[in-house]
C-alpha atoms as a PDB file:
ATOM      1  CA  MET A   1     180.890-137.547 -12.616  1.00  0.00           C
ATOM      2  CA  LYS A   2     181.113-134.859  -9.991  1.00  0.00           C
ATOM      3  CA  LYS A   3     182.822-136.723  -7.199  1.00  0.00           C
ATOM      4  CA  LEU A   4     181.650-139.950  -8.885  1.00  0.00           C
ATOM      5  CA  LEU A   5     183.091-141.048  -8.692  1.00  0.00           C
ATOM      6  CA  LEU A   6     184.315-140.072  -5.328  1.00  0.00           C
ATOM      7  CA  PHE A   7     182.438-142.338  -5.122  1.00  0.00           C
ATOM      8  CA  THR A   8     179.319-144.165  -6.090  1.00  0.00           C
ATOM      9  CA  MET A   9     178.661-147.829  -5.732  1.00  0.00           C
ATOM     10  CA  THR A  10     175.760-147.505  -8.126  1.00  0.00           C
ATOM     11  CA  LEU A  11     177.849-149.242 -10.741  1.00  0.00           C
ATOM     12  CA  SER A  12     176.916-150.742 -14.087  1.00  0.00           C
ATOM     13  CA  PHE A  13     177.807-152.144 -17.516  1.00  0.00           C
ATOM     14  CA  THR A  14     176.741-151.900 -21.123  1.00  0.00           C
ATOM     15  CA  LEU A  15     173.131-152.867 -21.621  1.00  0.00           C
ATOM     16  CA  LEU A  16     173.695-153.924 -25.192  1.00  0.00           C
ATOM     17  CA  VAL A  17     175.668-157.015 -24.169  1.00  0.00           C
ATOM     18  CA  CYS A  18     173.354-158.075 -21.347  1.00  0.00           C
ATOM     19  CA  SER A  19     171.673-161.162 -22.711  1.00  0.00           C
ATOM     20  CA  SER A  20     169.189-161.119 -19.858  1.00  0.00           C
ATOM     21  CA  CYS A  21     168.059-157.524 -20.437  1.00  0.00           C
ATOM     22  CA  ASP A  22     164.580-156.967 -21.796  1.00  0.00           C
ATOM     23  CA  ARG A  23     163.877-155.654 -25.302  1.00  0.00           C
ATOM     24  CA  ASP A  24     162.478-152.314 -24.117  1.00  0.00           C
ATOM     25  CA  ALA A  25     165.615-151.593 -22.118  1.00  0.00           C
ATOM     26  CA  ILE A  26     167.807-152.401 -25.130  1.00  0.00           C
ATOM     27  CA  ASP A  27     165.740-150.151 -27.384  1.00  0.00           C
ATOM     28  CA  GLU A  28     165.987-147.334 -24.870  1.00  0.00           C
ATOM     29  CA  SER A  29     169.765-147.728 -24.637  1.00  0.00           C
ATOM     30  CA  ILE A  30     169.942-147.331 -28.402  1.00  0.00           C
ATOM     31  CA  GLU A  31     167.920-144.142 -28.022  1.00  0.00           C
ATOM     32  CA  PHE A  32     170.561-142.843 -25.606  1.00  0.00           C
ATOM     33  CA  ASN A  33     173.244-143.369 -28.242  1.00  0.00           C
ATOM     34  CA  ASN A  34     171.182-141.532 -30.848  1.00  0.00           C
ATOM     35  CA  SER A  35     170.137-138.622 -28.634  1.00  0.00           C
ATOM     36  CA  PHE A  36     173.482-137.012 -27.793  1.00  0.00           C
ATOM     37  CA  GLU A  37     173.611-133.308 -28.506  1.00  0.00           C
ATOM     38  CA  THR A  38     176.250-132.307 -31.067  1.00  0.00           C
ATOM     39  CA  GLN A  39     176.752-128.587 -30.469  1.00  0.00           C
ATOM     40  CA  LYS A  40     180.343-127.818 -31.483  1.00  0.00           C
ATOM     41  CA  VAL A  41     182.905-126.242 -29.189  1.00  0.00           C
ATOM     42  CA  ASN A  42     186.224-124.954 -30.470  1.00  0.00           C
ATOM     43  CA  ASN A  43     188.484-125.774 -27.552  1.00  0.00           C
ATOM     44  CA  PRO A  44     190.085-129.162 -28.343  1.00  0.00           C
ATOM     45  CA  LYS A  45     190.126-130.023 -24.638  1.00  0.00           C
ATOM     46  CA  TYR A  46     186.371-130.557 -24.862  1.00  0.00           C
ATOM     47  CA  THR A  47     186.073-132.250 -28.268  1.00  0.00           C
ATOM     48  CA  GLY A  48     186.853-135.891 -28.951  1.00  0.00           C
ATOM     49  CA  PHE A  49     188.016-138.353 -26.341  1.00  0.00           C
ATOM     50  CA  ASN A  50     190.703-137.177 -23.965  1.00  0.00           C
ATOM     51  CA  GLU A  51     193.438-139.399 -22.539  1.00  0.00           C
ATOM     52  CA  PHE A  52     191.207-140.506 -19.662  1.00  0.00           C
ATOM     53  CA  GLY A  53     188.289-141.575 -21.857  1.00  0.00           C
ATOM     54  CA  TYR A  54     185.937-138.584 -21.523  1.00  0.00           C
ATOM     55  CA  ASN A  55     184.268-136.905 -24.486  1.00  0.00           C
ATOM     56  CA  TRP A  56     182.586-133.957 -22.780  1.00  0.00           C
ATOM     57  CA  GLN A  57     181.060-132.527 -25.940  1.00  0.00           C
ATOM     58  CA  ALA A  58     179.434-135.877 -26.797  1.00  0.00           C
ATOM     59  CA  HIS A  59     178.423-136.535 -23.149  1.00  0.00           C
ATOM     60  CA  HIS A  60     180.190-139.869 -23.167  1.00  0.00           C
ATOM     61  CA  PHE A  61     182.898-141.806 -21.326  1.00  0.00           C
ATOM     62  CA  ASN A  62     184.536-145.051 -22.418  1.00  0.00           C
ATOM     63  CA  GLY A  63     187.424-146.469 -20.444  1.00  0.00           C
ATOM     64  CA  THR A  64     188.198-147.890 -17.011  1.00  0.00           C
ATOM     65  CA  LEU A  65     186.620-146.951 -13.723  1.00  0.00           C
ATOM     66  CA  ILE A  66     189.891-145.750 -12.224  1.00  0.00           C
ATOM     67  CA  ASN A  67     190.397-143.320 -15.122  1.00  0.00           C
ATOM     68  CA  ALA A  68     186.795-142.146 -14.834  1.00  0.00           C
ATOM     69  CA  VAL A  69     187.613-141.073 -11.281  1.00  0.00           C
ATOM     70  CA  PHE A  70     190.966-139.472 -12.074  1.00  0.00           C
ATOM     71  CA  GLY A  71     189.715-137.646 -15.180  1.00  0.00           C
ATOM     72  CA  ASP A  72     186.451-136.373 -13.712  1.00  0.00           C
ATOM     73  CA  PHE A  73     185.549-132.843 -12.628  1.00  0.00           C
ATOM     74  CA  ILE A  74     187.675-130.628 -14.872  1.00  0.00           C
ATOM     75  CA  ASP A  75     188.799-127.111 -13.957  1.00  0.00           C
ATOM     76  CA  GLU A  76     188.069-123.885 -15.859  1.00  0.00           C
ATOM     77  CA  ASN A  77     190.898-124.648 -18.305  1.00  0.00           C
ATOM     78  CA  GLY A  78     189.575-128.082 -19.177  1.00  0.00           C
ATOM     79  CA  ASN A  79     192.158-129.955 -17.087  1.00  0.00           C
ATOM     80  CA  PRO A  80     191.217-132.797 -14.719  1.00  0.00           C
ATOM     81  CA  ALA A  81     191.044-131.238 -11.266  1.00  0.00           C
ATOM     82  CA  MET A  82     192.586-134.206  -9.447  1.00  0.00           C
ATOM     83  CA  GLY A  83     195.938-133.786 -11.206  1.00  0.00           C
ATOM     84  CA  MET A  84     196.452-137.544 -11.707  1.00  0.00           C
ATOM     85  CA  ASP A  85     197.836-139.096 -14.876  1.00  0.00           C
ATOM     86  CA  PRO A  86     195.652-141.699 -16.609  1.00  0.00           C
ATOM     87  CA  TYR A  87     196.306-145.337 -15.815  1.00  0.00           C
ATOM     88  CA  THR A  88     197.639-147.030 -18.968  1.00  0.00           C
ATOM     89  CA  GLY A  89     197.970-150.639 -17.854  1.00  0.00           C
ATOM     90  CA  HIS A  90     201.448-150.592 -16.336  1.00  0.00           C
ATOM     91  CA  ASP A  91     200.927-151.463 -12.677  1.00  0.00           C
ATOM     92  CA  GLU A  92     204.518-151.210 -11.471  1.00  0.00           C
ATOM     93  CA  ALA A  93     205.180-147.816 -13.042  1.00  0.00           C
ATOM     94  CA  TYR A  94     201.855-146.389 -11.866  1.00  0.00           C
ATOM     95  CA  LEU A  95     202.362-147.548  -8.284  1.00  0.00           C
ATOM     96  CA  ALA A  96     205.851-146.054  -8.335  1.00  0.00           C
ATOM     97  CA  ALA A  97     204.351-142.711  -9.354  1.00  0.00           C
ATOM     98  CA  TYR A  98     201.423-142.942  -6.920  1.00  0.00           C
ATOM     99  CA  PRO A  99     202.519-145.237  -4.065  1.00  0.00           C
ATOM    100  CA  PHE A 100     199.454-144.415  -1.946  1.00  0.00           C
ATOM    101  CA  LEU A 101     197.490-146.744  -4.233  1.00  0.00           C
ATOM    102  CA  SER A 102     199.449-149.749  -2.942  1.00  0.00           C
ATOM    103  CA  ASP A 103     198.208-149.171   0.597  1.00  0.00           C
ATOM    104  CA  PRO A 104     195.904-152.062   1.647  1.00  0.00           C
ATOM    105  CA  SER A 105     193.204-149.531   2.525  1.00  0.00           C
ATOM    106  CA  ASN A 106     193.026-148.625  -1.189  1.00  0.00           C
ATOM    107  CA  ALA A 107     192.759-152.224  -2.440  1.00  0.00           C
ATOM    108  CA  ILE A 108     189.195-151.867  -3.716  1.00  0.00           C
ATOM    109  CA  PHE A 109     189.943-148.564  -5.431  1.00  0.00           C
ATOM    110  CA  TRP A 110     193.082-149.999  -7.077  1.00  0.00           C
ATOM    111  CA  SER A 111     190.964-152.860  -8.439  1.00  0.00           C
ATOM    112  CA  PHE A 112     188.983-150.308 -10.440  1.00  0.00           C
ATOM    113  CA  ARG A 113     191.752-150.388 -13.072  1.00  0.00           C
ATOM    114  CA  ASN A 114     190.340-153.768 -14.144  1.00  0.00           C
ATOM    115  CA  ILE A 115     186.719-152.593 -14.435  1.00  0.00           C
ATOM    116  CA  ASN A 116     185.438-151.322 -17.774  1.00  0.00           C
ATOM    117  CA  LEU A 117     183.009-148.425 -17.785  1.00  0.00           C
ATOM    118  CA  VAL A 118     180.796-146.716 -20.337  1.00  0.00           C
ATOM    119  CA  MET A 119     178.798-143.659 -19.250  1.00  0.00           C
ATOM    120  CA  HIS A 120     176.213-141.624 -21.143  1.00  0.00           C
ATOM    121  CA  TRP A 121     174.577-138.454 -19.810  1.00  0.00           C
ATOM    122  CA  ASN A 122     172.609-135.510 -21.153  1.00  0.00           C
ATOM    123  CA  LYS A 123     173.461-131.818 -21.257  1.00  0.00           C
ATOM    124  CA  ALA A 124     171.201-131.087 -18.296  1.00  0.00           C
ATOM    125  CA  LEU A 125     173.502-133.201 -16.132  1.00  0.00           C
ATOM    126  CA  ILE A 126     176.908-131.943 -17.359  1.00  0.00           C
ATOM    127  CA  SER A 127     177.503-129.286 -20.021  1.00  0.00           C
ATOM    128  CA  ASP A 128     179.505-129.718 -23.221  1.00  0.00           C
ATOM    129  CA  ARG A 129     182.473-128.232 -21.353  1.00  0.00           C
ATOM    130  CA  GLY A 130     182.269-130.497 -18.345  1.00  0.00           C
ATOM    131  CA  VAL A 131     180.558-127.912 -16.128  1.00  0.00           C
ATOM    132  CA  TYR A 132     178.206-129.104 -13.392  1.00  0.00           C
ATOM    133  CA  PRO A 133     175.133-127.183 -12.194  1.00  0.00           C
ATOM    134  CA  ASP A 134     174.797-126.290  -8.537  1.00  0.00           C
ATOM    135  CA  SER A 135     171.950-128.786  -8.223  1.00  0.00           C
ATOM    136  CA  TRP A 136     170.250-131.399 -10.391  1.00  0.00           C
ATOM    137  CA  PHE A 137     166.831-131.041  -8.773  1.00  0.00           C
ATOM    138  CA  ASP A 138     164.180-130.264 -11.438  1.00  0.00           C
ATOM    139  CA  SER A 139     166.881-130.317 -14.142  1.00  0.00           C
ATOM    140  CA  ASN A 140     165.704-133.260 -16.309  1.00  0.00           C
ATOM    141  CA  GLY A 141     169.250-134.596 -15.999  1.00  0.00           C
ATOM    142  CA  TRP A 142     170.004-138.288 -16.448  1.00  0.00           C
ATOM    143  CA  ILE A 143     173.009-140.606 -16.640  1.00  0.00           C
ATOM    144  CA  THR A 144     173.626-144.290 -17.322  1.00  0.00           C
ATOM    145  CA  PHE A 145     176.498-146.407 -16.018  1.00  0.00           C
ATOM    146  CA  HIS A 146     177.599-149.571 -17.812  1.00  0.00           C
ATOM    147  CA  TYR A 147     180.260-151.600 -16.002  1.00  0.00           C
ATOM    148  CA  SER A 148     181.891-154.975 -16.635  1.00  0.00           C
ATOM    149  CA  GLY A 149     184.635-157.100 -15.184  1.00  0.00           C
ATOM    150  CA  THR A 150     185.887-160.587 -14.481  1.00  0.00           C
ATOM    151  CA  VAL A 151     186.180-162.311 -11.117  1.00  0.00           C
ATOM    152  CA  GLU A 152     187.874-165.717 -10.983  1.00  0.00           C
ATOM    153  CA  ASN A 153     187.471-166.083 -14.757  1.00  0.00           C
ATOM    154  CA  LYS A 154     183.730-165.383 -14.512  1.00  0.00           C
ATOM    155  CA  ASN A 155     182.325-162.345 -16.339  1.00  0.00           C
ATOM    156  CA  TRP A 156     179.902-159.997 -14.651  1.00  0.00           C
ATOM    157  CA  SER A 157     178.172-156.789 -15.680  1.00  0.00           C
ATOM    158  CA  GLN A 158     175.803-154.191 -14.327  1.00  0.00           C
ATOM    159  CA  PHE A 159     173.773-151.396 -15.884  1.00  0.00           C
ATOM    160  CA  GLN A 160     172.213-148.556 -13.911  1.00  0.00           C
ATOM    161  CA  LYS A 161     170.057-145.633 -14.914  1.00  0.00           C
ATOM    162  CA  LEU A 162     169.745-142.508 -12.759  1.00  0.00           C
ATOM    163  CA  VAL A 163     167.464-139.498 -13.155  1.00  0.00           C
ATOM    164  CA  ALA A 164     167.296-136.104 -11.469  1.00  0.00           C
ATOM    165  CA  ALA A 165     164.801-135.843  -8.624  1.00  0.00           C
ATOM    166  CA  ARG A 166     162.117-133.207  -8.537  1.00  0.00           C
ATOM    167  CA  SER A 167     162.106-130.760  -5.665  1.00  0.00           C
ATOM    168  CA  SER A 168     158.713-132.185  -4.667  1.00  0.00           C
ATOM    169  CA  ASP A 169     160.093-135.752  -4.362  1.00  0.00           C
ATOM    170  CA  GLU A 170     160.943-137.136  -0.935  1.00  0.00           C
ATOM    171  CA  LEU A 171     163.695-139.484   0.192  1.00  0.00           C
ATOM    172  CA  ARG A 172     162.598-141.852   2.962  1.00  0.00           C
ATOM    173  CA  GLY A 173     165.468-143.971   4.148  1.00  0.00           C
ATOM    174  CA  TYR A 174     166.989-145.375   0.949  1.00  0.00           C
ATOM    175  CA  THR A 175     163.895-144.992  -1.260  1.00  0.00           C
ATOM    176  CA  TRP A 176     162.561-142.007  -3.212  1.00  0.00           C
ATOM    177  CA  PHE A 177     158.817-141.245  -3.410  1.00  0.00           C
ATOM    178  CA  ASP A 178     156.887-138.665  -5.388  1.00  0.00           C
ATOM    179  CA  GLN A 179     154.434-136.230  -3.787  1.00  0.00           C
ATOM    180  CA  ASP A 180     151.630-138.778  -4.199  1.00  0.00           C
ATOM    181  CA  GLY A 181     153.529-141.459  -2.302  1.00  0.00           C
ATOM    182  CA  ASN A 182     154.529-143.529  -5.332  1.00  0.00           C
ATOM    183  CA  GLU A 183     157.903-145.287  -5.151  1.00  0.00           C
ATOM    184  CA  LEU A 184     160.284-143.781  -7.710  1.00  0.00           C
ATOM    185  CA  GLY A 185     163.548-145.597  -7.060  1.00  0.00           C
ATOM    186  CA  TYR A 186     166.545-146.056  -4.839  1.00  0.00           C
ATOM    187  CA  ALA A 187     168.818-143.486  -3.258  1.00  0.00           C
ATOM    188  CA  SER A 188     172.184-142.976  -4.933  1.00  0.00           C
ATOM    189  CA  ASP A 189     175.422-141.437  -3.735  1.00  0.00           C
ATOM    190  CA  TRP A 190     174.172-138.089  -5.036  1.00  0.00           C
ATOM    191  CA  PRO A 191     171.443-136.371  -3.000  1.00  0.00           C
ATOM    192  CA  ASP A 192     169.536-135.298  -6.125  1.00  0.00           C
ATOM    193  CA  LEU A 193     169.746-138.388  -8.373  1.00  0.00           C
ATOM    194  CA  ILE A 194     167.434-141.421  -8.232  1.00  0.00           C
ATOM    195  CA  ILE A 195     168.311-144.956  -9.348  1.00  0.00           C
ATOM    196  CA  VAL A 196     165.365-146.084 -11.478  1.00  0.00           C
ATOM    197  CA  GLN A 197     166.857-149.184 -13.076  1.00  0.00           C
ATOM    198  CA  ILE A 198     169.487-151.850 -12.367  1.00  0.00           C
ATOM    199  CA  ARG A 199     170.353-154.796 -14.609  1.00  0.00           C
ATOM    200  CA  SER A 200     172.963-157.346 -13.505  1.00  0.00           C
ATOM    201  CA  THR A 201     174.503-160.400 -15.125  1.00  0.00           C
ATOM    202  CA  GLY A 202     176.838-162.808 -13.395  1.00  0.00           C
ATOM    203  CA  GLU A 203     177.832-161.868  -9.849  1.00  0.00           C
ATOM    204  CA  PRO A 204     178.995-158.251  -9.490  1.00  0.00           C
ATOM    205  CA  PRO A 205     181.585-158.135  -6.691  1.00  0.00           C
ATOM    206  CA  PHE A 206     181.446-156.091  -3.517  1.00  0.00           C
ATOM    207  CA  PRO A 207     180.750-153.201  -3.248  1.00  0.00           C
ATOM    208  CA  PHE A 208     178.497-153.283  -6.320  1.00  0.00           C
ATOM    209  CA  LEU A 209     174.742-153.478  -5.861  1.00  0.00           C
ATOM    210  CA  PRO A 210     173.419-156.999  -6.471  1.00  0.00           C
ATOM    211  CA  GLY A 211     170.514-158.144  -8.602  1.00  0.00           C
ATOM    212  CA  SER A 212     168.128-156.140 -10.747  1.00  0.00           C
ATOM    213  CA  TYR A 213     165.515-153.449 -10.143  1.00  0.00           C
ATOM    214  CA  ASN A 214     162.910-151.473 -12.083  1.00  0.00           C
ATOM    215  CA  SER A 215     161.169-148.435 -10.636  1.00  0.00           C
ATOM    216  CA  PRO A 216     157.500-149.275  -9.991  1.00  0.00           C
ATOM    217  CA  VAL A 217     156.594-145.980 -11.683  1.00  0.00           C
ATOM    218  CA  SER A 218     158.772-146.587 -14.731  1.00  0.00           C
ATOM    219  CA  PRO A 219     162.415-147.266 -15.628  1.00  0.00           C
ATOM    220  CA  GLY A 220     162.029-144.980 -18.651  1.00  0.00           C
ATOM    221  CA  LEU A 221     163.434-141.473 -18.801  1.00  0.00           C
ATOM    222  CA  GLY A 222     160.349-139.789 -20.211  1.00  0.00           C
ATOM    223  CA  LYS A 223     158.290-140.512 -17.112  1.00  0.00           C
ATOM    224  CA  TYR A 224     160.540-138.232 -15.042  1.00  0.00           C
ATOM    225  CA  LYS A 225     160.889-135.375 -17.502  1.00  0.00           C
ATOM    226  CA  ILE A 226     159.527-132.071 -16.276  1.00  0.00           C
ATOM    227  CA  HIS A 227     157.692-130.301 -19.100  1.00  0.00           C
ATOM    228  CA  ASN A 228     157.832-126.523 -18.997  1.00  0.00           C
END
């Protein structure tokens, strides 16, 4: 996502394999999979999965976190704006091509090559051609992050759901409230997106958010939809 990925620590993993997730959350995740818009675009850069793992037309990403960062935010020709090649699993060759990644200050970022990521979003968040709006306020945009990894042979996962804030919502510290003072969710790394749900299994490593959370208003998407 727009500067995800540069960078959010609102990380996650696939809800469908979270044995501790509740039935409603699983049903809603299935709805996400069935609700993707299928408007066709002719440019092959936007159809199907590209080498990084993005399928812009299907509003879907499946790959590793490091490739989500490098392949995000495409230019007007459909090319990833960062100009990095995708990581393909060959550490030595990749570090030779991009030696800055071996700097100790980039240790956490380099570890992202071992973190799996699935993202789903709707057209209000990012268009079929990977174009971002100027703002997500009042857009009805949403996105889910599904992350997984292994630390010391122990599996962990995290799922997060984010929704676009309304222009009438207010951020107080790290918590969003609606105009009536009801708690909506947590602040994210984007000034116009609210974290309304977190589901964790195992022990997500630093700097991932720990534990689980449900918005007191609702973790469901429909509650935040603005009806015209």
